[in-house]
Amino acid sequence: MRILALAILAIGTVSAAGPAAAQTYAPGYPVCLHVYGPATYYDCRYTSLPQCNASASGRSAQCVVNPYVANAEVTPGRAYRRHRQVY
């Protein structure tokens, strides 16, 4: 009887857990289209803001910069050190 009660409790606990949330932003594209409506979602497949704005035209949508994109344009520059001047 205890095993049956524990099995029912385990099944109830597993089925009550909600589904896992998917990743909202695609990390490969720098611009996302945020679409508003009954099904609000992000569509991250644009490489520039003008390209995204063309898709958002006439829709209840807004173009946003992807906060999770890897910035590949950062180049290591020359490190400058501030040295103490000798008085």
PDB file of N, CA and C in Angstrom:
ATOM      1  N   MET A   1       0.824  -1.182   0.000  1.00  0.00           N
ATOM      2  CA  MET A   1       0.000   0.000   0.000  1.00  0.00           C
ATOM      3  C   MET A   1       0.873   1.253   0.000  1.00  0.00           C
ATOM      4  N   ARG A   2       1.986   1.194   0.756  1.00  0.00           N
ATOM      5  CA  ARG A   2       2.875   2.353   0.775  1.00  0.00           C
ATOM      6  C   ARG A   2       3.528   2.584  -0.576  1.00  0.00           C
ATOM      7  N   ILE A   3       3.895   1.503  -1.234  1.00  0.00           N
ATOM      8  CA  ILE A   3       4.547   1.632  -2.538  1.00  0.00           C
ATOM      9  C   ILE A   3       3.592   2.273  -3.542  1.00  0.00           C
ATOM     10  N   LEU A   4       2.325   1.890  -3.507  1.00  0.00           N
ATOM     11  CA  LEU A   4       1.334   2.477  -4.393  1.00  0.00           C
ATOM     12  C   LEU A   4       1.152   3.961  -4.101  1.00  0.00           C
ATOM     13  N   ALA A   5       1.103   4.329  -2.825  1.00  0.00           N
ATOM     14  CA  ALA A   5       0.952   5.735  -2.459  1.00  0.00           C
ATOM     15  C   ALA A   5       2.177   6.543  -2.879  1.00  0.00           C
ATOM     16  N   LEU A   6       3.375   5.996  -2.698  1.00  0.00           N
ATOM     17  CA  LEU A   6       4.581   6.690  -3.123  1.00  0.00           C
ATOM     18  C   LEU A   6       4.661   6.809  -4.645  1.00  0.00           C
ATOM     19  N   ALA A   7       4.202   5.784  -5.351  1.00  0.00           N
ATOM     20  CA  ALA A   7       4.200   5.831  -6.812  1.00  0.00           C
ATOM     21  C   ALA A   7       3.243   6.904  -7.312  1.00  0.00           C
ATOM     22  N   ILE A   8       2.065   7.002  -6.706  1.00  0.00           N
ATOM     23  CA  ILE A   8       1.098   8.034  -7.090  1.00  0.00           C
ATOM     24  C   ILE A   8       1.654   9.414  -6.769  1.00  0.00           C
ATOM     25  N   LEU A   9       2.290   9.555  -5.630  1.00  0.00           N
ATOM     26  CA  LEU A   9       2.896  10.832  -5.258  1.00  0.00           C
ATOM     27  C   LEU A   9       4.019  11.217  -6.226  1.00  0.00           C
ATOM     28  N   ALA A  10       4.835  10.261  -6.615  1.00  0.00           N
ATOM     29  CA  ALA A  10       5.924  10.537  -7.556  1.00  0.00           C
ATOM     30  C   ALA A  10       5.386  10.921  -8.927  1.00  0.00           C
ATOM     31  N   ILE A  11       4.375  10.236  -9.410  1.00  0.00           N
ATOM     32  CA  ILE A  11       3.773  10.555 -10.702  1.00  0.00           C
ATOM     33  C   ILE A  11       3.117  11.929 -10.656  1.00  0.00           C
ATOM     34  N   GLY A  12       2.454  12.247  -9.574  1.00  0.00           N
ATOM     35  CA  GLY A  12       1.827  13.556  -9.432  1.00  0.00           C
ATOM     36  C   GLY A  12       2.847  14.681  -9.382  1.00  0.00           C
ATOM     37  N   THR A  13       3.957  14.447  -8.721  1.00  0.00           N
ATOM     38  CA  THR A  13       5.003  15.466  -8.632  1.00  0.00           C
ATOM     39  C   THR A  13       5.648  15.706  -9.996  1.00  0.00           C
ATOM     40  N   VAL A  14       5.924  14.653 -10.730  1.00  0.00           N
ATOM     41  CA  VAL A  14       6.545  14.787 -12.049  1.00  0.00           C
ATOM     42  C   VAL A  14       5.591  15.455 -13.026  1.00  0.00           C
ATOM     43  N   SER A  15       4.322  15.096 -12.992  1.00  0.00           N
ATOM     44  CA  SER A  15       3.368  15.680 -13.934  1.00  0.00           C
ATOM     45  C   SER A  15       3.009  17.117 -13.574  1.00  0.00           C
ATOM     46  N   ALA A  16       3.178  17.523 -12.324  1.00  0.00           N
ATOM     47  CA  ALA A  16       2.868  18.899 -11.926  1.00  0.00           C
ATOM     48  C   ALA A  16       3.970  19.878 -12.306  1.00  0.00           C
ATOM     49  N   ALA A  17       5.159  19.369 -12.553  1.00  0.00           N
ATOM     50  CA  ALA A  17       6.261  20.248 -12.954  1.00  0.00           C
ATOM     51  C   ALA A  17       5.975  20.778 -14.353  1.00  0.00           C
ATOM     52  N   GLY A  18       6.195  22.073 -14.546  1.00  0.00           N
ATOM     53  CA  GLY A  18       5.931  22.689 -15.834  1.00  0.00           C
ATOM     54  C   GLY A  18       6.984  22.322 -16.856  1.00  0.00           C
ATOM     55  N   PRO A  19       6.681  22.597 -18.109  1.00  0.00           N
ATOM     56  CA  PRO A  19       7.661  22.297 -19.148  1.00  0.00           C
ATOM     57  C   PRO A  19       8.865  23.229 -19.051  1.00  0.00           C
ATOM     58  N   ALA A  20       9.989  22.778 -19.487  1.00  0.00           N
ATOM     59  CA  ALA A  20      11.204  23.588 -19.451  1.00  0.00           C
ATOM     60  C   ALA A  20      11.107  24.700 -20.485  1.00  0.00           C
ATOM     61  N   ALA A  21      11.572  25.886 -20.123  1.00  0.00           N
ATOM     62  CA  ALA A  21      11.529  27.018 -21.041  1.00  0.00           C
ATOM     63  C   ALA A  21      12.662  26.908 -22.053  1.00  0.00           C
ATOM     64  N   ALA A  22      12.357  27.226 -23.293  1.00  0.00           N
ATOM     65  CA  ALA A  22      13.368  27.182 -24.338  1.00  0.00           C
ATOM     66  C   ALA A  22      14.194  28.463 -24.320  1.00  0.00           C
ATOM     67  N   GLN A  23      15.307  28.449 -25.009  1.00  0.00           N
ATOM     68  CA  GLN A  23      16.148  29.633 -25.083  1.00  0.00           C
ATOM     69  C   GLN A  23      15.437  30.689 -25.920  1.00  0.00           C
ATOM     70  N   THR A  24      15.362  31.914 -25.402  1.00  0.00           N
ATOM     71  CA  THR A  24      14.621  32.978 -26.064  1.00  0.00           C
ATOM     72  C   THR A  24      15.396  33.562 -27.230  1.00  0.00           C
ATOM     73  N   TYR A  25      16.663  33.807 -27.054  1.00  0.00           N
ATOM     74  CA  TYR A  25      17.464  34.481 -28.063  1.00  0.00           C
ATOM     75  C   TYR A  25      18.396  33.503 -28.757  1.00  0.00           C
ATOM     76  N   ALA A  26      18.503  33.630 -30.082  1.00  0.00           N
ATOM     77  CA  ALA A  26      19.480  32.833 -30.823  1.00  0.00           C
ATOM     78  C   ALA A  26      20.826  33.530 -30.725  1.00  0.00           C
ATOM     79  N   PRO A  27      21.870  32.853 -30.308  1.00  0.00           N
ATOM     80  CA  PRO A  27      23.145  33.525 -30.076  1.00  0.00           C
ATOM     81  C   PRO A  27      23.906  33.874 -31.346  1.00  0.00           C
ATOM     82  N   GLY A  28      23.463  33.448 -32.519  1.00  0.00           N
ATOM     83  CA  GLY A  28      24.214  33.681 -33.735  1.00  0.00           C
ATOM     84  C   GLY A  28      23.854  34.948 -34.493  1.00  0.00           C
ATOM     85  N   TYR A  29      22.770  35.604 -34.151  1.00  0.00           N
ATOM     86  CA  TYR A  29      22.308  36.774 -34.891  1.00  0.00           C
ATOM     87  C   TYR A  29      22.246  37.988 -33.966  1.00  0.00           C
ATOM     88  N   PRO A  30      22.703  39.156 -34.436  1.00  0.00           N
ATOM     89  CA  PRO A  30      22.783  40.324 -33.561  1.00  0.00           C
ATOM     90  C   PRO A  30      21.477  41.077 -33.359  1.00  0.00           C
ATOM     91  N   VAL A  31      20.448  40.824 -34.176  1.00  0.00           N
ATOM     92  CA  VAL A  31      19.194  41.581 -34.085  1.00  0.00           C
ATOM     93  C   VAL A  31      18.028  40.613 -33.995  1.00  0.00           C
ATOM     94  N   CYS A  32      17.076  40.930 -33.102  1.00  0.00           N
ATOM     95  CA  CYS A  32      15.884  40.099 -32.923  1.00  0.00           C
ATOM     96  C   CYS A  32      14.631  40.923 -33.198  1.00  0.00           C
ATOM     97  N   LEU A  33      13.617  40.272 -33.693  1.00  0.00           N
ATOM     98  CA  LEU A  33      12.304  40.876 -33.911  1.00  0.00           C
ATOM     99  C   LEU A  33      11.397  40.424 -32.774  1.00  0.00           C
ATOM    100  N   HIS A  34      10.917  41.368 -31.971  1.00  0.00           N
ATOM    101  CA  HIS A  34      10.014  41.047 -30.860  1.00  0.00           C
ATOM    102  C   HIS A  34       8.600  41.278 -31.361  1.00  0.00           C
ATOM    103  N   VAL A  35       7.855  40.207 -31.547  1.00  0.00           N
ATOM    104  CA  VAL A  35       6.501  40.262 -32.089  1.00  0.00           C
ATOM    105  C   VAL A  35       5.514  40.227 -30.934  1.00  0.00           C
ATOM    106  N   TYR A  36       4.568  41.186 -30.941  1.00  0.00           N
ATOM    107  CA  TYR A  36       3.548  41.286 -29.898  1.00  0.00           C
ATOM    108  C   TYR A  36       2.228  40.747 -30.428  1.00  0.00           C
ATOM    109  N   GLY A  37       1.402  40.252 -29.531  1.00  0.00           N
ATOM    110  CA  GLY A  37       0.089  39.757 -29.908  1.00  0.00           C
ATOM    111  C   GLY A  37      -0.317  38.619 -28.995  1.00  0.00           C
ATOM    112  N   PRO A  38      -1.279  37.801 -29.462  1.00  0.00           N
ATOM    113  CA  PRO A  38      -1.691  36.659 -28.641  1.00  0.00           C
ATOM    114  C   PRO A  38      -0.535  35.688 -28.392  1.00  0.00           C
ATOM    115  N   ALA A  39       0.341  35.567 -29.369  1.00  0.00           N
ATOM    116  CA  ALA A  39       1.527  34.732 -29.218  1.00  0.00           C
ATOM    117  C   ALA A  39       2.744  35.647 -29.302  1.00  0.00           C
ATOM    118  N   THR A  40       3.205  36.153 -28.165  1.00  0.00           N
ATOM    119  CA  THR A  40       4.371  37.029 -28.134  1.00  0.00           C
ATOM    120  C   THR A  40       5.633  36.180 -28.182  1.00  0.00           C
ATOM    121  N   TYR A  41       6.536  36.527 -29.128  1.00  0.00           N
ATOM    122  CA  TYR A  41       7.750  35.740 -29.268  1.00  0.00           C
ATOM    123  C   TYR A  41       8.866  36.599 -29.840  1.00  0.00           C
ATOM    124  N   TYR A  42      10.097  36.078 -29.782  1.00  0.00           N
ATOM    125  CA  TYR A  42      11.277  36.702 -30.361  1.00  0.00           C
ATOM    126  C   TYR A  42      11.706  35.871 -31.571  1.00  0.00           C
ATOM    127  N   ASP A  43      12.017  36.569 -32.648  1.00  0.00           N
ATOM    128  CA  ASP A  43      12.494  35.915 -33.857  1.00  0.00           C
ATOM    129  C   ASP A  43      13.886  36.459 -34.158  1.00  0.00           C
ATOM    130  N   CYS A  44      14.912  35.717 -33.771  1.00  0.00           N
ATOM    131  CA  CYS A  44      16.301  36.177 -33.907  1.00  0.00           C
ATOM    132  C   CYS A  44      16.937  35.542 -35.127  1.00  0.00           C
ATOM    133  N   ARG A  45      16.785  36.199 -36.265  1.00  0.00           N
ATOM    134  CA  ARG A  45      17.414  35.714 -37.488  1.00  0.00           C
ATOM    135  C   ARG A  45      17.791  36.855 -38.419  1.00  0.00           C
ATOM    136  N   TYR A  46      18.091  38.002 -37.856  1.00  0.00           N
ATOM    137  CA  TYR A  46      18.416  39.182 -38.653  1.00  0.00           C
ATOM    138  C   TYR A  46      19.846  39.622 -38.369  1.00  0.00           C
ATOM    139  N   THR A  47      20.517  40.091 -39.429  1.00  0.00           N
ATOM    140  CA  THR A  47      21.901  40.505 -39.292  1.00  0.00           C
ATOM    141  C   THR A  47      22.062  42.009 -39.143  1.00  0.00           C
ATOM    142  N   SER A  48      21.000  42.790 -39.404  1.00  0.00           N
ATOM    143  CA  SER A  48      21.086  44.241 -39.255  1.00  0.00           C
ATOM    144  C   SER A  48      19.724  44.803 -38.871  1.00  0.00           C
ATOM    145  N   LEU A  49      19.739  46.008 -38.305  1.00  0.00           N
ATOM    146  CA  LEU A  49      18.480  46.658 -37.923  1.00  0.00           C
ATOM    147  C   LEU A  49      17.624  47.016 -39.132  1.00  0.00           C
ATOM    148  N   PRO A  50      18.173  47.536 -40.246  1.00  0.00           N
ATOM    149  CA  PRO A  50      17.311  47.803 -41.407  1.00  0.00           C
ATOM    150  C   PRO A  50      16.627  46.552 -41.954  1.00  0.00           C
ATOM    151  N   GLN A  51      17.313  45.425 -41.934  1.00  0.00           N
ATOM    152  CA  GLN A  51      16.712  44.168 -42.384  1.00  0.00           C
ATOM    153  C   GLN A  51      15.553  43.782 -41.472  1.00  0.00           C
ATOM    154  N   CYS A  52      15.732  43.944 -40.182  1.00  0.00           N
ATOM    155  CA  CYS A  52      14.675  43.624 -39.216  1.00  0.00           C
ATOM    156  C   CYS A  52      13.508  44.605 -39.344  1.00  0.00           C
ATOM    157  N   ASN A  53      13.819  45.891 -39.527  1.00  0.00           N
ATOM    158  CA  ASN A  53      12.762  46.904 -39.657  1.00  0.00           C
ATOM    159  C   ASN A  53      11.894  46.658 -40.882  1.00  0.00           C
ATOM    160  N   ALA A  54      12.466  46.116 -41.944  1.00  0.00           N
ATOM    161  CA  ALA A  54      11.671  45.785 -43.119  1.00  0.00           C
ATOM    162  C   ALA A  54      10.667  44.675 -42.799  1.00  0.00           C
ATOM    163  N   SER A  55      11.048  43.733 -41.973  1.00  0.00           N
ATOM    164  CA  SER A  55      10.126  42.664 -41.579  1.00  0.00           C
ATOM    165  C   SER A  55       9.094  43.136 -40.564  1.00  0.00           C
ATOM    166  N   ALA A  56       9.464  44.121 -39.750  1.00  0.00           N
ATOM    167  CA  ALA A  56       8.553  44.612 -38.719  1.00  0.00           C
ATOM    168  C   ALA A  56       7.544  45.613 -39.266  1.00  0.00           C
ATOM    169  N   SER A  57       7.745  46.091 -40.466  1.00  0.00           N
ATOM    170  CA  SER A  57       6.869  47.101 -41.057  1.00  0.00           C
ATOM    171  C   SER A  57       5.447  46.566 -41.213  1.00  0.00           C
ATOM    172  N   GLY A  58       4.493  47.282 -40.643  1.00  0.00           N
ATOM    173  CA  GLY A  58       3.084  46.902 -40.746  1.00  0.00           C
ATOM    174  C   GLY A  58       2.633  45.871 -39.736  1.00  0.00           C
ATOM    175  N   ARG A  59       3.494  45.475 -38.849  1.00  0.00           N
ATOM    176  CA  ARG A  59       3.150  44.477 -37.831  1.00  0.00           C
ATOM    177  C   ARG A  59       3.301  45.095 -36.457  1.00  0.00           C
ATOM    178  N   SER A  60       2.714  44.480 -35.478  1.00  0.00           N
ATOM    179  CA  SER A  60       2.931  44.924 -34.101  1.00  0.00           C
ATOM    180  C   SER A  60       4.197  44.249 -33.592  1.00  0.00           C
ATOM    181  N   ALA A  61       5.337  44.797 -34.024  1.00  0.00           N
ATOM    182  CA  ALA A  61       6.627  44.201 -33.709  1.00  0.00           C
ATOM    183  C   ALA A  61       7.655  45.309 -33.530  1.00  0.00           C
ATOM    184  N   GLN A  62       8.737  44.960 -32.883  1.00  0.00           N
ATOM    185  CA  GLN A  62       9.810  45.907 -32.606  1.00  0.00           C
ATOM    186  C   GLN A  62      11.141  45.176 -32.739  1.00  0.00           C
ATOM    187  N   CYS A  63      12.123  45.861 -33.321  1.00  0.00           N
ATOM    188  CA  CYS A  63      13.459  45.279 -33.461  1.00  0.00           C
ATOM    189  C   CYS A  63      14.289  45.624 -32.235  1.00  0.00           C
ATOM    190  N   VAL A  64      14.958  44.623 -31.691  1.00  0.00           N
ATOM    191  CA  VAL A  64      15.794  44.815 -30.505  1.00  0.00           C
ATOM    192  C   VAL A  64      17.158  44.189 -30.758  1.00  0.00           C
ATOM    193  N   VAL A  65      18.153  44.721 -30.087  1.00  0.00           N
ATOM    194  CA  VAL A  65      19.499  44.170 -30.192  1.00  0.00           C
ATOM    195  C   VAL A  65      19.571  42.927 -29.318  1.00  0.00           C
ATOM    196  N   ASN A  66      20.135  41.875 -29.846  1.00  0.00           N
ATOM    197  CA  ASN A  66      20.254  40.607 -29.145  1.00  0.00           C
ATOM    198  C   ASN A  66      21.291  40.744 -28.027  1.00  0.00           C
ATOM    199  N   PRO A  67      20.885  40.607 -26.761  1.00  0.00           N
ATOM    200  CA  PRO A  67      21.848  40.771 -25.671  1.00  0.00           C
ATOM    201  C   PRO A  67      22.804  39.592 -25.508  1.00  0.00           C
ATOM    202  N   TYR A  68      22.545  38.492 -26.191  1.00  0.00           N
ATOM    203  CA  TYR A  68      23.376  37.304 -26.011  1.00  0.00           C
ATOM    204  C   TYR A  68      24.272  36.997 -27.202  1.00  0.00           C
ATOM    205  N   VAL A  69      24.358  37.926 -28.147  1.00  0.00           N
ATOM    206  CA  VAL A  69      25.193  37.660 -29.315  1.00  0.00           C
ATOM    207  C   VAL A  69      26.658  37.809 -28.932  1.00  0.00           C
ATOM    208  N   ALA A  70      27.488  36.952 -29.499  1.00  0.00           N
ATOM    209  CA  ALA A  70      28.926  37.029 -29.246  1.00  0.00           C
ATOM    210  C   ALA A  70      29.499  38.140 -30.109  1.00  0.00           C
ATOM    211  N   ASN A  71      30.182  39.068 -29.509  1.00  0.00           N
ATOM    212  CA  ASN A  71      30.741  40.196 -30.239  1.00  0.00           C
ATOM    213  C   ASN A  71      32.076  39.771 -30.839  1.00  0.00           C
ATOM    214  N   ALA A  72      32.058  39.437 -32.118  1.00  0.00           N
ATOM    215  CA  ALA A  72      33.256  38.946 -32.781  1.00  0.00           C
ATOM    216  C   ALA A  72      34.138  40.076 -33.297  1.00  0.00           C
ATOM    217  N   GLU A  73      33.647  41.319 -33.254  1.00  0.00           N
ATOM    218  CA  GLU A  73      34.405  42.429 -33.798  1.00  0.00           C
ATOM    219  C   GLU A  73      35.368  43.050 -32.791  1.00  0.00           C
ATOM    220  N   VAL A  74      35.406  42.557 -31.609  1.00  0.00           N
ATOM    221  CA  VAL A  74      36.313  43.102 -30.602  1.00  0.00           C
ATOM    222  C   VAL A  74      37.719  42.601 -30.908  1.00  0.00           C
ATOM    223  N   THR A  75      38.602  43.542 -31.160  1.00  0.00           N
ATOM    224  CA  THR A  75      39.978  43.166 -31.445  1.00  0.00           C
ATOM    225  C   THR A  75      40.842  43.593 -30.277  1.00  0.00           C
ATOM    226  N   PRO A  76      41.765  42.772 -29.898  1.00  0.00           N
ATOM    227  CA  PRO A  76      42.615  43.162 -28.777  1.00  0.00           C
ATOM    228  C   PRO A  76      43.507  44.333 -29.181  1.00  0.00           C
ATOM    229  N   GLY A  77      43.404  45.387 -28.436  1.00  0.00           N
ATOM    230  CA  GLY A  77      44.197  46.577 -28.727  1.00  0.00           C
ATOM    231  C   GLY A  77      45.465  46.601 -27.898  1.00  0.00           C
ATOM    232  N   ARG A  78      46.212  47.648 -28.106  1.00  0.00           N
ATOM    233  CA  ARG A  78      47.451  47.798 -27.359  1.00  0.00           C
ATOM    234  C   ARG A  78      47.126  48.284 -25.954  1.00  0.00           C
ATOM    235  N   ALA A  79      47.658  47.622 -24.999  1.00  0.00           N
ATOM    236  CA  ALA A  79      47.394  47.986 -23.608  1.00  0.00           C
ATOM    237  C   ALA A  79      48.307  49.144 -23.202  1.00  0.00           C
ATOM    238  N   TYR A  80      47.708  50.189 -22.743  1.00  0.00           N
ATOM    239  CA  TYR A  80      48.475  51.332 -22.278  1.00  0.00           C
ATOM    240  C   TYR A  80      48.537  51.297 -20.764  1.00  0.00           C
ATOM    241  N   ARG A  81      49.713  51.520 -20.232  1.00  0.00           N
ATOM    242  CA  ARG A  81      49.879  51.554 -18.788  1.00  0.00           C
ATOM    243  C   ARG A  81      50.229  52.961 -18.386  1.00  0.00           C
ATOM    244  N   ARG A  82      49.667  53.362 -17.323  1.00  0.00           N
ATOM    245  CA  ARG A  82      50.005  54.668 -16.780  1.00  0.00           C
ATOM    246  C   ARG A  82      51.159  54.476 -15.803  1.00  0.00           C
ATOM    247  N   HIS A  83      52.251  55.075 -16.142  1.00  0.00           N
ATOM    248  CA  HIS A  83      53.422  54.972 -15.283  1.00  0.00           C
ATOM    249  C   HIS A  83      53.527  56.234 -14.442  1.00  0.00           C
ATOM    250  N   ARG A  84      54.022  56.044 -13.264  1.00  0.00           N
ATOM    251  CA  ARG A  84      54.260  57.181 -12.392  1.00  0.00           C
ATOM    252  C   ARG A  84      55.458  57.960 -12.910  1.00  0.00           C
ATOM    253  N   GLN A  85      55.275  59.226 -13.055  1.00  0.00           N
ATOM    254  CA  GLN A  85      56.401  60.045 -13.506  1.00  0.00           C
ATOM    255  C   GLN A  85      57.350  60.281 -12.341  1.00  0.00           C
ATOM    256  N   VAL A  86      58.610  60.362 -12.659  1.00  0.00           N
ATOM    257  CA  VAL A  86      59.615  60.626 -11.651  1.00  0.00           C
ATOM    258  C   VAL A  86      59.709  62.125 -11.471  1.00  0.00           C
ATOM    259  N   TYR A  87      59.593  62.589 -10.269  1.00  0.00           N
ATOM    260  CA  TYR A  87      59.639  64.038 -10.002  1.00  0.00           C
ATOM    261  C   TYR A  87      61.022  64.484  -9.657  1.00  0.00           C
TER     262      TYR A  87
END
